[in-house]
């Protein structure tokens, strides 16, 4: 993980699928769990989805709050 990945979670919208346009940080946990079961896509989006899944799964979403306030 790179430090700027956390900024991307609160600024990058989901580029495809059911939740297209929703910020990656705002994706529902069950959607992230689905990707974890079925496989994350290749590339940066997949890496960020995997990171967001780990954050959500471990109850750490509040750590993104300061980054949201910065925006």
PDB file of N, CA and C in Angstrom:
ATOM      1  N   UNK A   1       0.839  -1.179   0.000  1.00  0.00           N
ATOM      2  CA  UNK A   1       0.000   0.000   0.000  1.00  0.00           C
ATOM      3  C   UNK A   1       0.886   1.244   0.000  1.00  0.00           C
ATOM      4  N   UNK A   2       0.453   2.221  -0.758  1.00  0.00           N
ATOM      5  CA  UNK A   2       1.128   3.516  -0.782  1.00  0.00           C
ATOM      6  C   UNK A   2       0.258   4.510  -0.009  1.00  0.00           C
ATOM      7  N   UNK A   3       0.880   5.520   0.569  1.00  0.00           N
ATOM      8  CA  UNK A   3       0.139   6.514   1.349  1.00  0.00           C
ATOM      9  C   UNK A   3      -0.953   7.181   0.520  1.00  0.00           C
ATOM     10  N   UNK A   4      -0.660   7.441  -0.754  1.00  0.00           N
ATOM     11  CA  UNK A   4      -1.657   8.120  -1.597  1.00  0.00           C
ATOM     12  C   UNK A   4      -2.847   7.223  -1.927  1.00  0.00           C
ATOM     13  N   UNK A   5      -2.732   5.920  -1.682  1.00  0.00           N
ATOM     14  CA  UNK A   5      -3.870   5.021  -1.911  1.00  0.00           C
ATOM     15  C   UNK A   5      -5.054   5.389  -1.019  1.00  0.00           C
ATOM     16  N   UNK A   6      -4.774   5.812   0.196  1.00  0.00           N
ATOM     17  CA  UNK A   6      -5.867   6.199   1.093  1.00  0.00           C
ATOM     18  C   UNK A   6      -6.600   7.424   0.558  1.00  0.00           C
ATOM     19  N   UNK A   7      -5.872   8.374  -0.003  1.00  0.00           N
ATOM     20  CA  UNK A   7      -6.508   9.533  -0.637  1.00  0.00           C
ATOM     21  C   UNK A   7      -7.370   9.104  -1.822  1.00  0.00           C
ATOM     22  N   UNK A   8      -6.883   8.143  -2.572  1.00  0.00           N
ATOM     23  CA  UNK A   8      -7.643   7.668  -3.727  1.00  0.00           C
ATOM     24  C   UNK A   8      -8.954   7.009  -3.306  1.00  0.00           C
ATOM     25  N   UNK A   9      -8.962   6.340  -2.165  1.00  0.00           N
ATOM     26  CA  UNK A   9     -10.194   5.694  -1.693  1.00  0.00           C
ATOM     27  C   UNK A   9     -11.315   6.705  -1.486  1.00  0.00           C
ATOM     28  N   UNK A  10     -10.963   7.909  -1.039  1.00  0.00           N
ATOM     29  CA  UNK A  10     -11.997   8.919  -0.750  1.00  0.00           C
ATOM     30  C   UNK A  10     -12.216   9.882  -1.913  1.00  0.00           C
ATOM     31  N   UNK A  11     -11.524   9.655  -3.030  1.00  0.00           N
ATOM     32  CA  UNK A  11     -11.701  10.563  -4.169  1.00  0.00           C
ATOM     33  C   UNK A  11     -12.034   9.857  -5.482  1.00  0.00           C
ATOM     34  N   UNK A  12     -11.706   8.580  -5.592  1.00  0.00           N
ATOM     35  CA  UNK A  12     -11.906   7.862  -6.846  1.00  0.00           C
ATOM     36  C   UNK A  12     -13.266   7.170  -6.872  1.00  0.00           C
ATOM     37  N   UNK A  13     -14.081   7.472  -7.878  1.00  0.00           N
ATOM     38  CA  UNK A  13     -15.374   6.777  -7.978  1.00  0.00           C
ATOM     39  C   UNK A  13     -15.194   5.389  -8.594  1.00  0.00           C
ATOM     40  N   UNK A  14     -16.091   4.505  -8.238  1.00  0.00           N
ATOM     41  CA  UNK A  14     -16.117   3.166  -8.826  1.00  0.00           C
ATOM     42  C   UNK A  14     -16.406   3.318 -10.319  1.00  0.00           C
ATOM     43  N   UNK A  15     -15.543   2.776 -11.187  1.00  0.00           N
ATOM     44  CA  UNK A  15     -15.690   3.026 -12.621  1.00  0.00           C
ATOM     45  C   UNK A  15     -16.675   2.112 -13.354  1.00  0.00           C
ATOM     46  N   UNK A  16     -17.200   1.093 -12.686  1.00  0.00           N
ATOM     47  CA  UNK A  16     -18.086   0.142 -13.374  1.00  0.00           C
ATOM     48  C   UNK A  16     -18.983  -0.560 -12.359  1.00  0.00           C
ATOM     49  N   UNK A  17     -19.950  -1.292 -12.886  1.00  0.00           N
ATOM     50  CA  UNK A  17     -20.766  -2.169 -12.054  1.00  0.00           C
ATOM     51  C   UNK A  17     -21.943  -1.514 -11.388  1.00  0.00           C
ATOM     52  N   UNK A  18     -22.518  -2.246 -10.489  1.00  0.00           N
ATOM     53  CA  UNK A  18     -23.733  -1.863  -9.772  1.00  0.00           C
ATOM     54  C   UNK A  18     -23.601  -0.525  -9.054  1.00  0.00           C
ATOM     55  N   UNK A  19     -22.429  -0.242  -8.543  1.00  0.00           N
ATOM     56  CA  UNK A  19     -22.193   0.980  -7.766  1.00  0.00           C
ATOM     57  C   UNK A  19     -21.315   1.986  -8.518  1.00  0.00           C
ATOM     58  N   UNK A  20     -21.417   1.979  -9.832  1.00  0.00           N
ATOM     59  CA  UNK A  20     -20.643   2.907 -10.656  1.00  0.00           C
ATOM     60  C   UNK A  20     -20.903   4.346 -10.206  1.00  0.00           C
ATOM     61  N   UNK A  21     -19.827   5.110 -10.018  1.00  0.00           N
ATOM     62  CA  UNK A  21     -19.942   6.502  -9.603  1.00  0.00           C
ATOM     63  C   UNK A  21     -19.846   6.716  -8.103  1.00  0.00           C
ATOM     64  N   UNK A  22     -20.037   5.678  -7.321  1.00  0.00           N
ATOM     65  CA  UNK A  22     -19.923   5.753  -5.856  1.00  0.00           C
ATOM     66  C   UNK A  22     -18.436   5.760  -5.491  1.00  0.00           C
ATOM     67  N   UNK A  23     -18.046   6.596  -4.550  1.00  0.00           N
ATOM     68  CA  UNK A  23     -16.653   6.590  -4.095  1.00  0.00           C
ATOM     69  C   UNK A  23     -16.287   5.203  -3.569  1.00  0.00           C
ATOM     70  N   UNK A  24     -15.088   4.768  -3.839  1.00  0.00           N
ATOM     71  CA  UNK A  24     -14.656   3.449  -3.379  1.00  0.00           C
ATOM     72  C   UNK A  24     -14.782   3.344  -1.858  1.00  0.00           C
ATOM     73  N   UNK A  25     -14.497   4.415  -1.146  1.00  0.00           N
ATOM     74  CA  UNK A  25     -14.613   4.407   0.317  1.00  0.00           C
ATOM     75  C   UNK A  25     -16.053   4.256   0.792  1.00  0.00           C
ATOM     76  N   UNK A  26     -17.025   4.536  -0.084  1.00  0.00           N
ATOM     77  CA  UNK A  26     -18.435   4.453   0.293  1.00  0.00           C
ATOM     78  C   UNK A  26     -19.121   3.179  -0.185  1.00  0.00           C
ATOM     79  N   UNK A  27     -18.379   2.283  -0.790  1.00  0.00           N
ATOM     80  CA  UNK A  27     -18.981   1.040  -1.264  1.00  0.00           C
ATOM     81  C   UNK A  27     -19.452   0.201  -0.083  1.00  0.00           C
ATOM     82  N   UNK A  28     -20.608  -0.442  -0.217  1.00  0.00           N
ATOM     83  CA  UNK A  28     -21.104  -1.273   0.885  1.00  0.00           C
ATOM     84  C   UNK A  28     -20.220  -2.495   1.123  1.00  0.00           C
ATOM     85  N   UNK A  29     -20.156  -2.900   2.371  1.00  0.00           N
ATOM     86  CA  UNK A  29     -19.323  -4.035   2.756  1.00  0.00           C
ATOM     87  C   UNK A  29     -19.663  -5.311   2.011  1.00  0.00           C
ATOM     88  N   UNK A  30     -20.954  -5.547   1.764  1.00  0.00           N
ATOM     89  CA  UNK A  30     -21.316  -6.793   1.082  1.00  0.00           C
ATOM     90  C   UNK A  30     -20.814  -6.812  -0.367  1.00  0.00           C
ATOM     91  N   UNK A  31     -20.712  -5.648  -0.994  1.00  0.00           N
ATOM     92  CA  UNK A  31     -20.165  -5.555  -2.348  1.00  0.00           C
ATOM     93  C   UNK A  31     -18.669  -5.857  -2.328  1.00  0.00           C
ATOM     94  N   UNK A  32     -17.974  -5.315  -1.343  1.00  0.00           N
ATOM     95  CA  UNK A  32     -16.545  -5.593  -1.192  1.00  0.00           C
ATOM     96  C   UNK A  32     -16.310  -7.071  -0.884  1.00  0.00           C
ATOM     97  N   UNK A  33     -17.188  -7.662  -0.078  1.00  0.00           N
ATOM     98  CA  UNK A  33     -17.064  -9.084   0.244  1.00  0.00           C
ATOM     99  C   UNK A  33     -17.291  -9.945  -0.997  1.00  0.00           C
ATOM    100  N   UNK A  34     -18.206  -9.511  -1.866  1.00  0.00           N
ATOM    101  CA  UNK A  34     -18.450 -10.239  -3.099  1.00  0.00           C
ATOM    102  C   UNK A  34     -17.169 -10.283  -3.939  1.00  0.00           C
ATOM    103  N   UNK A  35     -16.490  -9.137  -4.072  1.00  0.00           N
ATOM    104  CA  UNK A  35     -15.231  -9.104  -4.811  1.00  0.00           C
ATOM    105  C   UNK A  35     -14.193 -10.009  -4.154  1.00  0.00           C
ATOM    106  N   UNK A  36     -14.153 -10.016  -2.831  1.00  0.00           N
ATOM    107  CA  UNK A  36     -13.182 -10.852  -2.124  1.00  0.00           C
ATOM    108  C   UNK A  36     -13.433 -12.335  -2.428  1.00  0.00           C
ATOM    109  N   UNK A  37     -14.691 -12.729  -2.547  1.00  0.00           N
ATOM    110  CA  UNK A  37     -15.030 -14.121  -2.868  1.00  0.00           C
ATOM    111  C   UNK A  37     -14.782 -14.449  -4.341  1.00  0.00           C
ATOM    112  N   UNK A  38     -15.197 -13.547  -5.222  1.00  0.00           N
ATOM    113  CA  UNK A  38     -15.173 -13.811  -6.661  1.00  0.00           C
ATOM    114  C   UNK A  38     -13.857 -13.417  -7.337  1.00  0.00           C
ATOM    115  N   UNK A  39     -13.108 -12.551  -6.689  1.00  0.00           N
ATOM    116  CA  UNK A  39     -11.841 -12.091  -7.251  1.00  0.00           C
ATOM    117  C   UNK A  39     -11.878 -10.610  -7.578  1.00  0.00           C
ATOM    118  N   UNK A  40     -10.861  -9.907  -7.151  1.00  0.00           N
ATOM    119  CA  UNK A  40     -10.748  -8.483  -7.442  1.00  0.00           C
ATOM    120  C   UNK A  40     -10.261  -8.307  -8.876  1.00  0.00           C
ATOM    121  N   UNK A  41     -10.714  -7.243  -9.551  1.00  0.00           N
ATOM    122  CA  UNK A  41     -10.216  -7.011 -10.914  1.00  0.00           C
ATOM    123  C   UNK A  41      -8.725  -6.687 -10.906  1.00  0.00           C
ATOM    124  N   UNK A  42      -8.121  -6.812 -12.060  1.00  0.00           N
ATOM    125  CA  UNK A  42      -6.705  -6.496 -12.210  1.00  0.00           C
ATOM    126  C   UNK A  42      -6.505  -4.979 -12.152  1.00  0.00           C
ATOM    127  N   UNK A  43      -5.298  -4.560 -11.856  1.00  0.00           N
ATOM    128  CA  UNK A  43      -4.935  -3.154 -11.925  1.00  0.00           C
ATOM    129  C   UNK A  43      -5.212  -2.379 -10.657  1.00  0.00           C
ATOM    130  N   UNK A  44      -5.155  -1.069 -10.817  1.00  0.00           N
ATOM    131  CA  UNK A  44      -5.275  -0.167  -9.674  1.00  0.00           C
ATOM    132  C   UNK A  44      -6.628  -0.278  -8.978  1.00  0.00           C
ATOM    133  N   UNK A  45      -7.694  -0.363  -9.745  1.00  0.00           N
ATOM    134  CA  UNK A  45      -9.025  -0.446  -9.125  1.00  0.00           C
ATOM    135  C   UNK A  45      -9.126  -1.698  -8.261  1.00  0.00           C
ATOM    136  N   UNK A  46      -8.649  -2.811  -8.756  1.00  0.00           N
ATOM    137  CA  UNK A  46      -8.678  -4.047  -7.970  1.00  0.00           C
ATOM    138  C   UNK A  46      -7.861  -3.938  -6.695  1.00  0.00           C
ATOM    139  N   UNK A  47      -6.702  -3.310  -6.802  1.00  0.00           N
ATOM    140  CA  UNK A  47      -5.838  -3.113  -5.621  1.00  0.00           C
ATOM    141  C   UNK A  47      -6.529  -2.230  -4.596  1.00  0.00           C
ATOM    142  N   UNK A  48      -7.196  -1.166  -5.061  1.00  0.00           N
ATOM    143  CA  UNK A  48      -7.894  -0.268  -4.144  1.00  0.00           C
ATOM    144  C   UNK A  48      -9.122  -0.943  -3.532  1.00  0.00           C
ATOM    145  N   UNK A  49      -9.826  -1.749  -4.316  1.00  0.00           N
ATOM    146  CA  UNK A  49     -10.974  -2.487  -3.773  1.00  0.00           C
ATOM    147  C   UNK A  49     -10.517  -3.473  -2.693  1.00  0.00           C
ATOM    148  N   UNK A  50      -9.406  -4.142  -2.927  1.00  0.00           N
ATOM    149  CA  UNK A  50      -8.871  -5.071  -1.927  1.00  0.00           C
ATOM    150  C   UNK A  50      -8.479  -4.326  -0.650  1.00  0.00           C
ATOM    151  N   UNK A  51      -7.858  -3.167  -0.804  1.00  0.00           N
ATOM    152  CA  UNK A  51      -7.498  -2.357   0.357  1.00  0.00           C
ATOM    153  C   UNK A  51      -8.740  -1.915   1.116  1.00  0.00           C
ATOM    154  N   UNK A  52      -9.755  -1.452   0.377  1.00  0.00           N
ATOM    155  CA  UNK A  52     -10.988  -1.008   1.032  1.00  0.00           C
ATOM    156  C   UNK A  52     -11.682  -2.172   1.722  1.00  0.00           C
ATOM    157  N   UNK A  53     -11.617  -3.350   1.140  1.00  0.00           N
ATOM    158  CA  UNK A  53     -12.194  -4.533   1.791  1.00  0.00           C
ATOM    159  C   UNK A  53     -11.503  -4.786   3.130  1.00  0.00           C
ATOM    160  N   UNK A  54     -10.192  -4.722   3.153  1.00  0.00           N
ATOM    161  CA  UNK A  54      -9.448  -4.928   4.402  1.00  0.00           C
ATOM    162  C   UNK A  54      -9.818  -3.881   5.449  1.00  0.00           C
ATOM    163  N   UNK A  55      -9.923  -2.643   5.026  1.00  0.00           N
ATOM    164  CA  UNK A  55     -10.293  -1.556   5.949  1.00  0.00           C
ATOM    165  C   UNK A  55     -11.687  -1.798   6.502  1.00  0.00           C
ATOM    166  N   UNK A  56     -12.631  -2.113   5.612  1.00  0.00           N
ATOM    167  CA  UNK A  56     -14.016  -2.347   6.033  1.00  0.00           C
ATOM    168  C   UNK A  56     -14.119  -3.587   6.919  1.00  0.00           C
ATOM    169  N   UNK A  57     -13.493  -4.660   6.503  1.00  0.00           N
ATOM    170  CA  UNK A  57     -13.559  -5.931   7.232  1.00  0.00           C
ATOM    171  C   UNK A  57     -13.012  -5.797   8.659  1.00  0.00           C
ATOM    172  N   UNK A  58     -12.021  -4.950   8.839  1.00  0.00           N
ATOM    173  CA  UNK A  58     -11.404  -4.769  10.156  1.00  0.00           C
ATOM    174  C   UNK A  58     -11.987  -3.599  10.938  1.00  0.00           C
ATOM    175  N   UNK A  59     -13.083  -3.022  10.436  1.00  0.00           N
ATOM    176  CA  UNK A  59     -13.761  -1.946  11.162  1.00  0.00           C
ATOM    177  C   UNK A  59     -12.959  -0.660  11.251  1.00  0.00           C
ATOM    178  N   UNK A  60     -12.189  -0.348  10.220  1.00  0.00           N
ATOM    179  CA  UNK A  60     -11.296   0.810  10.265  1.00  0.00           C
ATOM    180  C   UNK A  60     -11.748   1.962   9.375  1.00  0.00           C
ATOM    181  N   UNK A  61     -13.002   1.968   8.930  1.00  0.00           N
ATOM    182  CA  UNK A  61     -13.477   3.024   8.030  1.00  0.00           C
ATOM    183  C   UNK A  61     -13.322   4.425   8.629  1.00  0.00           C
ATOM    184  N   UNK A  62     -13.393   4.534   9.953  1.00  0.00           N
ATOM    185  CA  UNK A  62     -13.255   5.848  10.595  1.00  0.00           C
ATOM    186  C   UNK A  62     -11.884   6.470  10.350  1.00  0.00           C
ATOM    187  N   UNK A  63     -10.901   5.666  10.014  1.00  0.00           N
ATOM    188  CA  UNK A  63      -9.567   6.204   9.730  1.00  0.00           C
ATOM    189  C   UNK A  63      -9.559   7.075   8.476  1.00  0.00           C
ATOM    190  N   UNK A  64     -10.561   6.923   7.624  1.00  0.00           N
ATOM    191  CA  UNK A  64     -10.637   7.722   6.402  1.00  0.00           C
ATOM    192  C   UNK A  64     -11.286   9.088   6.633  1.00  0.00           C
ATOM    193  N   UNK A  65     -11.914   9.285   7.787  1.00  0.00           N
ATOM    194  CA  UNK A  65     -12.636  10.539   8.070  1.00  0.00           C
ATOM    195  C   UNK A  65     -11.756  11.785   7.924  1.00  0.00           C
ATOM    196  N   UNK A  66     -10.530  11.810   8.451  1.00  0.00           N
ATOM    197  CA  UNK A  66      -9.702  13.014   8.278  1.00  0.00           C
ATOM    198  C   UNK A  66      -9.397  13.313   6.806  1.00  0.00           C
ATOM    199  N   UNK A  67      -9.262  12.276   6.000  1.00  0.00           N
ATOM    200  CA  UNK A  67      -8.995  12.481   4.577  1.00  0.00           C
ATOM    201  C   UNK A  67     -10.226  13.047   3.880  1.00  0.00           C
ATOM    202  N   UNK A  68     -11.405  12.643   4.316  1.00  0.00           N
ATOM    203  CA  UNK A  68     -12.646  13.186   3.761  1.00  0.00           C
ATOM    204  C   UNK A  68     -12.777  14.680   4.085  1.00  0.00           C
ATOM    205  N   UNK A  69     -12.414  15.028   5.311  1.00  0.00           N
ATOM    206  CA  UNK A  69     -12.535  16.446   5.729  1.00  0.00           C
ATOM    207  C   UNK A  69     -11.579  17.329   4.934  1.00  0.00           C
ATOM    208  N   UNK A  70     -10.424  16.764   4.539  1.00  0.00           N
ATOM    209  CA  UNK A  70      -9.446  17.523   3.757  1.00  0.00           C
ATOM    210  C   UNK A  70      -9.982  17.921   2.388  1.00  0.00           C
ATOM    211  N   UNK A  71     -10.881  17.145   1.871  1.00  0.00           N
ATOM    212  CA  UNK A  71     -11.392  17.358   0.498  1.00  0.00           C
ATOM    213  C   UNK A  71     -12.411  18.441   0.469  1.00  0.00           C
TER     214      UNK A  71
END
